[in-house]
Amino acid sequence: MYLLLVMAVWTLFSYKFINWTRVKEQYPTVLFFIVINMTYNAIYSEHLLWAFRGITADWLNHTIINLFFTFYICPATLIIFLQRLPDRNYAKASYIIIWIVFYTILEALFAHKGMFVYGDGWNSWQNIWLNTLLFLAILIHYRRPAAALILAVPAAVLFYILFPVPLS
């Protein structure tokens, strides 16, 4: 089952790259991402723009995979991302770009294998700007949580305007 493999890989990454004594510094930002992701899944539940698809078992659907993604894989990813963030601006910009490219390629590979599907006007190319915005939002929240919360509201409204779905 690929989900177990992905979780095993992120467990190894977590063991190798996370300083567990510092996790409480990143915890509020992890919660910020969880709220963003769960809000998307609640609003777009009947019209998902992107969704996980289990290919190894019928019971492995978007909801189950997304729960593992939201509460296991992403927290590990974000903690590693934030703990390893360089101090110098040039290095920081390169580092962020590497993470954006890494996540975009991962999503493209999963889409190619049929484990990540798109709908309602979404496609792989749009993941580039979405990943860019998400990593920047994570970084802003980590440095200035109030600013990130203020910026999240118009960003969510704009996203909904660009990709409307019925709310009933």
Protein backbone atom coordinates (compact mmCIF):
# COMPACT_ATOMS: atom_id res chain seq x y z
CA MET A 1 0.00 0.00 0.00
CA TYR A 2 1.57 3.26 -1.17
CA LEU A 3 0.13 5.28 1.74
CA LEU A 4 2.12 3.16 4.21
CA LEU A 5 5.24 3.61 2.09
CA VAL A 6 4.79 7.40 1.99
CA MET A 7 4.22 7.46 5.75
CA ALA A 8 7.32 5.33 6.32
CA VAL A 9 9.41 7.70 4.20
CA TRP A 10 8.15 10.76 6.11
CA THR A 11 8.74 8.94 9.40
CA LEU A 12 12.38 8.43 8.39
CA PHE A 13 12.64 12.07 7.26
CA SER A 14 11.13 13.17 10.58
CA TYR A 15 13.56 11.06 12.57
CA LYS A 16 16.52 12.37 10.57
CA PHE A 17 15.64 16.05 10.09
CA ILE A 18 13.39 17.20 12.95
CA ASN A 19 14.73 18.65 16.16
CA TRP A 20 11.96 17.43 18.47
CA THR A 21 12.86 19.86 21.24
CA ARG A 22 11.88 22.75 18.92
CA VAL A 23 8.60 21.38 17.54
CA LYS A 24 6.47 23.62 19.77
CA GLU A 25 7.86 26.62 17.80
CA GLN A 26 6.34 25.28 14.57
CA TYR A 27 3.17 23.83 16.09
CA PRO A 28 0.96 26.94 15.63
CA THR A 29 1.95 27.12 11.96
CA VAL A 30 1.16 23.43 11.49
CA LEU A 31 -2.29 24.10 12.96
CA PHE A 32 -2.70 27.06 10.58
CA PHE A 33 -2.08 24.74 7.62
CA ILE A 34 -4.45 22.11 9.01
CA VAL A 35 -7.22 24.72 9.24
CA ILE A 36 -6.57 25.82 5.64
CA ASN A 37 -6.64 22.25 4.34
CA MET A 38 -9.70 21.20 6.32
CA THR A 39 -11.55 24.37 5.26
CA TYR A 40 -10.82 23.59 1.60
CA ASN A 41 -12.07 20.02 2.07
CA ALA A 42 -15.24 21.20 3.82
CA ILE A 43 -16.15 23.90 1.27
CA TYR A 44 -15.19 21.88 -1.80
CA SER A 45 -16.25 18.45 -0.50
CA GLU A 46 -18.77 17.90 -3.31
CA HIS A 47 -16.67 19.58 -6.01
CA LEU A 48 -13.03 18.81 -5.18
CA LEU A 49 -10.53 20.58 -7.40
CA TRP A 50 -7.92 17.98 -6.51
CA ALA A 51 -8.29 14.74 -4.61
CA PHE A 52 -6.31 11.75 -3.51
CA ARG A 53 -7.34 8.43 -4.99
CA GLY A 54 -6.47 5.08 -3.52
CA ILE A 55 -5.31 2.61 -6.13
CA THR A 56 -4.45 -0.34 -3.90
CA ALA A 57 -7.70 -0.79 -1.97
CA ASP A 58 -11.32 0.21 -2.60
CA TRP A 59 -11.76 1.60 0.93
CA LEU A 60 -8.77 3.92 0.51
CA ASN A 61 -10.57 7.08 -0.58
CA HIS A 62 -9.77 10.81 -0.58
CA THR A 63 -11.07 11.34 2.95
CA ILE A 64 -8.89 8.65 4.52
CA ILE A 65 -5.77 9.59 2.56
CA ASN A 66 -6.34 13.29 3.25
CA LEU A 67 -6.58 12.64 7.00
CA PHE A 68 -3.16 10.96 6.92
CA PHE A 69 -1.83 13.76 4.72
CA THR A 70 -3.25 16.50 6.96
CA PHE A 71 -2.35 15.08 10.35
CA TYR A 72 0.84 13.13 9.62
CA ILE A 73 2.62 13.94 6.38
CA CYS A 74 2.09 17.70 6.28
CA PRO A 75 3.04 18.35 9.88
CA ALA A 76 6.31 16.48 9.29
CA THR A 77 6.87 18.37 6.04
CA LEU A 78 6.17 21.77 7.55
CA ILE A 79 8.29 21.20 10.64
CA ILE A 80 11.24 20.11 8.50
CA PHE A 81 10.67 23.05 6.14
CA LEU A 82 10.54 25.61 8.96
CA GLN A 83 13.33 24.17 11.09
CA ARG A 84 15.77 24.04 8.18
CA LEU A 85 14.93 27.47 6.75
CA PRO A 86 18.18 29.37 6.05
CA ASP A 87 18.78 32.85 7.49
CA ARG A 88 20.22 34.57 4.42
CA ASN A 89 17.66 35.93 1.94
CA TYR A 90 19.25 34.41 -1.20
CA ALA A 91 19.54 31.00 0.45
CA LYS A 92 16.01 31.35 1.84
CA ALA A 93 14.57 32.11 -1.61
CA SER A 94 16.38 29.14 -3.16
CA TYR A 95 15.23 26.89 -0.31
CA ILE A 96 11.58 27.90 -0.74
CA ILE A 97 11.77 27.36 -4.51
CA ILE A 98 13.25 23.90 -3.96
CA TRP A 99 10.32 22.95 -1.69
CA ILE A 100 7.77 24.34 -4.16
CA VAL A 101 9.36 22.36 -7.00
CA PHE A 102 9.64 19.24 -4.81
CA TYR A 103 5.95 19.30 -3.87
CA THR A 104 4.85 20.16 -7.42
CA ILE A 105 6.85 17.25 -8.85
CA LEU A 106 5.52 14.87 -6.19
CA GLU A 107 1.95 15.87 -7.02
CA ALA A 108 2.62 15.50 -10.75
CA LEU A 109 4.07 12.01 -10.20
CA PHE A 110 1.11 10.98 -8.07
CA ALA A 111 -1.25 12.40 -10.73
CA HIS A 112 0.58 10.49 -13.45
CA LYS A 113 0.11 7.28 -11.46
CA GLY A 114 -3.60 8.04 -10.91
CA MET A 115 -3.21 8.61 -7.16
CA PHE A 116 -3.95 12.34 -7.38
CA VAL A 117 -6.83 13.49 -9.60
CA TYR A 118 -8.10 16.87 -10.73
CA GLY A 119 -11.59 18.20 -11.35
CA ASP A 120 -13.70 21.31 -11.88
CA GLY A 121 -11.11 23.22 -13.87
CA TRP A 122 -7.99 22.40 -11.84
CA ASN A 123 -4.79 20.99 -13.39
CA SER A 124 -1.15 20.23 -12.57
CA TRP A 125 0.07 23.65 -13.68
CA GLN A 126 -2.10 25.35 -11.10
CA ASN A 127 -0.32 23.43 -8.37
CA ILE A 128 2.75 25.58 -9.01
CA TRP A 129 1.07 28.82 -7.95
CA LEU A 130 -0.92 27.12 -5.20
CA ASN A 131 2.22 25.53 -3.72
CA THR A 132 3.97 28.90 -3.99
CA LEU A 133 1.15 30.63 -2.10
CA LEU A 134 0.94 27.89 0.52
CA PHE A 135 4.65 27.87 1.29
CA LEU A 136 4.69 31.67 1.46
CA ALA A 137 1.61 31.65 3.72
CA ILE A 138 3.31 29.11 5.97
CA LEU A 139 6.43 31.26 6.14
CA ILE A 140 4.42 34.42 6.84
CA HIS A 141 2.46 32.65 9.57
CA TYR A 142 5.65 31.36 11.17
CA ARG A 143 7.13 34.87 11.32
CA ARG A 144 3.97 36.97 11.75
CA PRO A 145 0.87 34.90 12.61
CA ALA A 146 -1.55 37.85 12.75
CA ALA A 147 -0.50 39.04 9.29
CA ALA A 148 -1.02 35.54 7.88
CA LEU A 149 -4.49 35.32 9.38
CA ILE A 150 -5.43 38.72 7.96
CA LEU A 151 -4.08 37.80 4.50
CA ALA A 152 -5.78 34.39 4.56
CA VAL A 153 -9.29 35.86 4.42
CA PRO A 154 -8.95 37.79 1.13
CA ALA A 155 -6.87 34.92 -0.30
CA ALA A 156 -9.69 32.47 0.49
CA VAL A 157 -12.30 34.82 -1.01
CA LEU A 158 -10.20 35.24 -4.18
CA PHE A 159 -9.73 31.47 -4.42
CA TYR A 160 -13.49 30.98 -4.12
CA ILE A 161 -14.14 33.66 -6.78
CA LEU A 162 -11.70 31.95 -9.16
CA PHE A 163 -13.06 28.46 -8.40
CA PRO A 164 -16.68 28.86 -7.29
CA VAL A 165 -18.79 25.97 -6.06
CA PRO A 166 -22.35 25.93 -4.76
CA LEU A 167 -22.36 26.15 -0.97
CA SER A 168 -25.63 24.26 -0.53
